Amino acid sequence: MTFFKTEDLPATEMLPGVMRRAVYLDNVMITFFDFEPRRVIPAHAHPHEQITYVVRGALAFTMGQETRTLRAGEGVCIPPNVTHSAVVLDEPAFVLDAWNPVREDYK
């Protein structure tokens, strides 16, 4: 795939109220998340590098022992195997995640 429209990418309900779409090449992936308000992404870790960027809305994002509110225009860089979680605040959120290597489970 070379050109794409986010809305045309297949959507997967990852958790109730959390929709995920993905675009990828061999070595890089971007996922697009639509979150309903007050959704919780439980604490987890994975071997992938991850960069999260908030386009719209706000998240209380915890990485390790630190929690920060991320609003539109803000993000976080997550090294491999670092535990992190998020809680969507009181409005819908649209968030991009960049991955390396590609998450095969998100294709």
N, C-alpha and C. Protein backbone atom coordinates (compact mmCIF):
# COMPACT_ATOMS: atom_id res chain seq x y z
N MET A 1 0.85 -1.17 0.00
CA MET A 1 0.00 0.00 0.00
C MET A 1 0.89 1.23 0.00
N THR A 2 0.58 2.19 -0.87
CA THR A 2 1.39 3.39 -0.95
C THR A 2 0.64 4.60 -0.38
N PHE A 3 -0.54 4.88 -0.94
CA PHE A 3 -1.36 5.98 -0.44
C PHE A 3 -2.52 5.39 0.34
N PHE A 4 -2.98 6.10 1.34
CA PHE A 4 -4.10 5.58 2.12
C PHE A 4 -4.87 6.73 2.74
N LYS A 5 -6.12 6.46 3.10
CA LYS A 5 -6.94 7.34 3.92
C LYS A 5 -7.21 6.57 5.21
N THR A 6 -6.99 7.21 6.33
CA THR A 6 -7.16 6.55 7.61
C THR A 6 -8.53 5.88 7.70
N GLU A 7 -9.57 6.58 7.30
CA GLU A 7 -10.93 6.04 7.42
C GLU A 7 -11.17 4.82 6.55
N ASP A 8 -10.32 4.60 5.54
CA ASP A 8 -10.48 3.43 4.68
C ASP A 8 -9.71 2.20 5.17
N LEU A 9 -8.85 2.38 6.17
CA LEU A 9 -8.10 1.24 6.71
C LEU A 9 -9.05 0.36 7.52
N PRO A 10 -8.88 -0.95 7.48
CA PRO A 10 -9.74 -1.82 8.29
C PRO A 10 -9.61 -1.49 9.78
N ALA A 11 -10.74 -1.47 10.46
CA ALA A 11 -10.76 -1.15 11.89
C ALA A 11 -10.97 -2.42 12.71
N THR A 12 -10.27 -2.48 13.83
CA THR A 12 -10.39 -3.59 14.78
C THR A 12 -10.74 -3.02 16.14
N GLU A 13 -11.76 -3.58 16.79
CA GLU A 13 -12.05 -3.16 18.16
C GLU A 13 -11.09 -3.91 19.08
N MET A 14 -10.08 -3.20 19.56
CA MET A 14 -9.04 -3.81 20.38
C MET A 14 -9.55 -4.12 21.78
N LEU A 15 -10.30 -3.20 22.34
CA LEU A 15 -10.98 -3.31 23.63
C LEU A 15 -12.31 -2.60 23.46
N PRO A 16 -13.28 -2.81 24.33
CA PRO A 16 -14.52 -2.04 24.19
C PRO A 16 -14.24 -0.53 24.19
N GLY A 17 -14.72 0.14 23.17
CA GLY A 17 -14.52 1.58 23.06
C GLY A 17 -13.17 2.00 22.54
N VAL A 18 -12.37 1.05 22.03
CA VAL A 18 -11.03 1.34 21.50
C VAL A 18 -10.92 0.72 20.11
N MET A 19 -10.90 1.59 19.10
CA MET A 19 -10.78 1.12 17.71
C MET A 19 -9.36 1.39 17.21
N ARG A 20 -8.81 0.39 16.51
CA ARG A 20 -7.43 0.48 16.01
C ARG A 20 -7.43 0.28 14.50
N ARG A 21 -6.64 1.10 13.80
CA ARG A 21 -6.37 0.94 12.37
C ARG A 21 -4.85 0.97 12.21
N ALA A 22 -4.34 0.29 11.20
CA ALA A 22 -2.88 0.22 11.05
C ALA A 22 -2.47 0.36 9.60
N VAL A 23 -1.31 0.95 9.42
CA VAL A 23 -0.64 1.01 8.12
C VAL A 23 0.83 0.67 8.39
N TYR A 24 1.45 -0.07 7.47
CA TYR A 24 2.80 -0.54 7.76
C TYR A 24 3.57 -0.87 6.49
N LEU A 25 4.88 -0.88 6.64
CA LEU A 25 5.83 -1.38 5.65
C LEU A 25 6.55 -2.54 6.30
N ASP A 26 7.68 -2.93 5.75
CA ASP A 26 8.41 -4.06 6.32
C ASP A 26 8.98 -3.77 7.71
N ASN A 27 9.42 -2.51 7.95
CA ASN A 27 10.15 -2.20 9.18
C ASN A 27 9.56 -1.10 10.03
N VAL A 28 8.41 -0.58 9.67
CA VAL A 28 7.80 0.50 10.44
C VAL A 28 6.29 0.38 10.35
N MET A 29 5.62 0.81 11.42
CA MET A 29 4.16 0.73 11.49
C MET A 29 3.64 1.96 12.21
N ILE A 30 2.47 2.44 11.78
CA ILE A 30 1.73 3.45 12.52
C ILE A 30 0.34 2.89 12.77
N THR A 31 -0.11 3.03 14.01
CA THR A 31 -1.49 2.66 14.34
C THR A 31 -2.24 3.93 14.72
N PHE A 32 -3.51 3.95 14.37
CA PHE A 32 -4.40 5.07 14.63
C PHE A 32 -5.46 4.56 15.60
N PHE A 33 -5.57 5.19 16.75
CA PHE A 33 -6.51 4.75 17.77
C PHE A 33 -7.59 5.80 17.99
N ASP A 34 -8.84 5.35 17.98
CA ASP A 34 -9.98 6.17 18.40
C ASP A 34 -10.43 5.62 19.75
N PHE A 35 -10.39 6.48 20.77
CA PHE A 35 -10.76 6.08 22.12
C PHE A 35 -12.04 6.80 22.54
N GLU A 36 -12.97 6.06 23.08
CA GLU A 36 -14.11 6.69 23.74
C GLU A 36 -13.63 7.23 25.09
N PRO A 37 -14.35 8.21 25.65
CA PRO A 37 -13.94 8.76 26.95
C PRO A 37 -13.84 7.69 28.04
N ARG A 38 -12.90 7.91 28.93
CA ARG A 38 -12.70 7.11 30.15
C ARG A 38 -12.34 5.64 29.89
N ARG A 39 -11.82 5.34 28.75
CA ARG A 39 -11.34 3.97 28.48
C ARG A 39 -9.99 3.78 29.16
N VAL A 40 -9.74 2.56 29.57
CA VAL A 40 -8.50 2.23 30.28
C VAL A 40 -7.68 1.25 29.44
N ILE A 41 -6.43 1.59 29.21
CA ILE A 41 -5.48 0.67 28.58
C ILE A 41 -4.64 0.11 29.73
N PRO A 42 -4.83 -1.16 30.06
CA PRO A 42 -4.14 -1.73 31.22
C PRO A 42 -2.62 -1.71 31.07
N ALA A 43 -1.94 -1.78 32.20
CA ALA A 43 -0.48 -1.82 32.21
C ALA A 43 0.01 -3.02 31.41
N HIS A 44 1.01 -2.76 30.58
CA HIS A 44 1.58 -3.82 29.75
C HIS A 44 2.98 -3.39 29.29
N ALA A 45 3.72 -4.31 28.73
CA ALA A 45 5.03 -4.04 28.14
C ALA A 45 5.18 -4.94 26.93
N HIS A 46 6.05 -4.55 26.01
CA HIS A 46 6.29 -5.33 24.80
C HIS A 46 7.70 -5.04 24.30
N PRO A 47 8.22 -5.88 23.42
CA PRO A 47 9.60 -5.68 22.96
C PRO A 47 9.76 -4.60 21.90
N HIS A 48 8.68 -3.97 21.49
CA HIS A 48 8.72 -2.95 20.43
C HIS A 48 9.05 -1.57 20.99
N GLU A 49 9.77 -0.76 20.21
CA GLU A 49 9.87 0.65 20.50
C GLU A 49 8.54 1.28 20.09
N GLN A 50 8.09 2.27 20.86
CA GLN A 50 6.80 2.89 20.59
C GLN A 50 6.90 4.39 20.81
N ILE A 51 6.35 5.15 19.88
CA ILE A 51 6.19 6.59 20.07
C ILE A 51 4.70 6.86 19.98
N THR A 52 4.14 7.47 21.02
CA THR A 52 2.72 7.80 21.08
C THR A 52 2.57 9.30 20.94
N TYR A 53 1.62 9.72 20.10
CA TYR A 53 1.36 11.14 19.84
C TYR A 53 -0.14 11.39 19.90
N VAL A 54 -0.57 12.32 20.74
CA VAL A 54 -1.99 12.64 20.89
C VAL A 54 -2.37 13.70 19.87
N VAL A 55 -3.32 13.36 19.00
CA VAL A 55 -3.81 14.29 17.99
C VAL A 55 -4.99 15.10 18.54
N ARG A 56 -5.88 14.42 19.26
CA ARG A 56 -7.09 15.05 19.80
C ARG A 56 -7.43 14.38 21.12
N GLY A 57 -7.90 15.16 22.08
CA GLY A 57 -8.27 14.60 23.38
C GLY A 57 -7.10 14.64 24.35
N ALA A 58 -7.21 13.84 25.41
CA ALA A 58 -6.17 13.81 26.45
C ALA A 58 -6.16 12.46 27.14
N LEU A 59 -4.97 12.05 27.56
CA LEU A 59 -4.76 10.78 28.26
C LEU A 59 -3.96 11.02 29.53
N ALA A 60 -4.28 10.30 30.59
CA ALA A 60 -3.38 10.21 31.74
C ALA A 60 -2.50 9.00 31.42
N PHE A 61 -1.25 9.25 31.11
CA PHE A 61 -0.34 8.21 30.62
C PHE A 61 0.69 7.91 31.68
N THR A 62 0.83 6.64 32.02
CA THR A 62 1.81 6.21 33.01
C THR A 62 2.89 5.37 32.32
N MET A 63 4.14 5.74 32.55
CA MET A 63 5.27 4.96 32.06
C MET A 63 6.18 4.73 33.25
N GLY A 64 6.40 3.47 33.58
CA GLY A 64 7.16 3.18 34.79
C GLY A 64 6.39 3.69 35.99
N GLN A 65 7.00 4.56 36.78
CA GLN A 65 6.36 5.11 37.98
C GLN A 65 5.84 6.54 37.78
N GLU A 66 5.96 7.07 36.56
CA GLU A 66 5.59 8.47 36.31
C GLU A 66 4.30 8.55 35.49
N THR A 67 3.38 9.42 35.93
CA THR A 67 2.14 9.66 35.20
C THR A 67 2.09 11.12 34.79
N ARG A 68 1.74 11.35 33.52
CA ARG A 68 1.58 12.71 32.99
C ARG A 68 0.31 12.76 32.16
N THR A 69 -0.30 13.93 32.12
CA THR A 69 -1.43 14.14 31.22
C THR A 69 -0.88 14.57 29.88
N LEU A 70 -1.19 13.80 28.84
CA LEU A 70 -0.79 14.12 27.48
C LEU A 70 -1.99 14.69 26.75
N ARG A 71 -1.84 15.89 26.18
CA ARG A 71 -2.90 16.54 25.44
C ARG A 71 -2.51 16.65 23.97
N ALA A 72 -3.43 17.11 23.14
CA ALA A 72 -3.16 17.24 21.71
C ALA A 72 -1.83 17.97 21.49
N GLY A 73 -1.00 17.39 20.63
CA GLY A 73 0.31 17.97 20.34
C GLY A 73 1.42 17.45 21.22
N GLU A 74 1.10 16.56 22.16
CA GLU A 74 2.10 16.00 23.07
C GLU A 74 2.22 14.50 22.87
N GLY A 75 3.34 13.94 23.30
CA GLY A 75 3.55 12.51 23.13
C GLY A 75 4.55 11.96 24.13
N VAL A 76 4.89 10.70 23.91
CA VAL A 76 5.83 10.01 24.79
C VAL A 76 6.59 8.98 23.96
N CYS A 77 7.87 8.79 24.27
CA CYS A 77 8.71 7.76 23.64
C CYS A 77 8.88 6.64 24.65
N ILE A 78 8.51 5.43 24.25
CA ILE A 78 8.51 4.28 25.16
C ILE A 78 9.56 3.27 24.68
N PRO A 79 10.61 3.06 25.46
CA PRO A 79 11.61 2.06 25.09
C PRO A 79 11.02 0.65 25.18
N PRO A 80 11.69 -0.32 24.58
CA PRO A 80 11.22 -1.71 24.68
C PRO A 80 11.13 -2.18 26.13
N ASN A 81 10.15 -3.01 26.39
CA ASN A 81 9.98 -3.71 27.67
C ASN A 81 9.76 -2.81 28.88
N VAL A 82 9.29 -1.59 28.66
CA VAL A 82 8.96 -0.67 29.76
C VAL A 82 7.44 -0.71 29.96
N THR A 83 7.02 -0.95 31.18
CA THR A 83 5.60 -1.03 31.49
C THR A 83 4.95 0.35 31.36
N HIS A 84 3.77 0.37 30.71
CA HIS A 84 3.04 1.61 30.52
C HIS A 84 1.54 1.32 30.46
N SER A 85 0.75 2.36 30.71
CA SER A 85 -0.71 2.26 30.69
C SER A 85 -1.27 3.64 30.41
N ALA A 86 -2.58 3.69 30.15
CA ALA A 86 -3.21 4.99 29.89
C ALA A 86 -4.67 4.95 30.29
N VAL A 87 -5.18 6.12 30.65
CA VAL A 87 -6.60 6.31 30.90
C VAL A 87 -7.03 7.52 30.07
N VAL A 88 -8.02 7.31 29.22
CA VAL A 88 -8.55 8.41 28.41
C VAL A 88 -9.36 9.31 29.34
N LEU A 89 -9.20 10.61 29.19
CA LEU A 89 -9.91 11.53 30.07
C LEU A 89 -11.36 11.70 29.58
N ASP A 90 -11.99 12.82 29.81
CA ASP A 90 -13.44 12.96 29.67
C ASP A 90 -13.95 13.25 28.26
N GLU A 91 -13.12 13.21 27.26
CA GLU A 91 -13.57 13.42 25.89
C GLU A 91 -12.94 12.36 24.99
N PRO A 92 -13.53 12.13 23.82
CA PRO A 92 -12.91 11.16 22.90
C PRO A 92 -11.48 11.59 22.56
N ALA A 93 -10.65 10.60 22.25
CA ALA A 93 -9.26 10.89 21.89
C ALA A 93 -8.90 10.17 20.59
N PHE A 94 -8.02 10.82 19.83
CA PHE A 94 -7.45 10.23 18.62
C PHE A 94 -5.94 10.27 18.79
N VAL A 95 -5.30 9.09 18.73
CA VAL A 95 -3.89 8.94 19.07
C VAL A 95 -3.18 8.13 18.00
N LEU A 96 -1.95 8.52 17.67
CA LEU A 96 -1.10 7.77 16.75
C LEU A 96 0.00 7.08 17.54
N ASP A 97 0.30 5.85 17.17
CA ASP A 97 1.45 5.14 17.72
C ASP A 97 2.35 4.71 16.56
N ALA A 98 3.63 4.97 16.68
CA ALA A 98 4.62 4.49 15.71
C ALA A 98 5.37 3.34 16.36
N TRP A 99 5.70 2.32 15.56
CA TRP A 99 6.29 1.08 16.09
C TRP A 99 7.50 0.64 15.29
N ASN A 100 8.46 0.09 16.01
CA ASN A 100 9.55 -0.65 15.39
C ASN A 100 10.00 -1.73 16.38
N PRO A 101 10.11 -2.96 15.95
CA PRO A 101 9.67 -3.46 14.64
C PRO A 101 8.15 -3.47 14.54
N VAL A 102 7.68 -3.81 13.37
CA VAL A 102 6.24 -3.91 13.11
C VAL A 102 5.60 -4.89 14.09
N ARG A 103 4.44 -4.55 14.61
CA ARG A 103 3.69 -5.46 15.48
C ARG A 103 2.87 -6.39 14.60
N GLU A 104 3.31 -7.60 14.49
CA GLU A 104 2.60 -8.58 13.65
C GLU A 104 1.17 -8.78 14.14
N ASP A 105 0.95 -8.68 15.46
CA ASP A 105 -0.38 -8.89 16.01
C ASP A 105 -1.34 -7.73 15.70
N TYR A 106 -0.83 -6.60 15.18
CA TYR A 106 -1.68 -5.47 14.84
C TYR A 106 -1.96 -5.36 13.35
N LYS A 107 -1.40 -6.24 12.54
CA LYS A 107 -1.66 -6.20 11.10
C LYS A 107 -3.09 -6.57 10.80
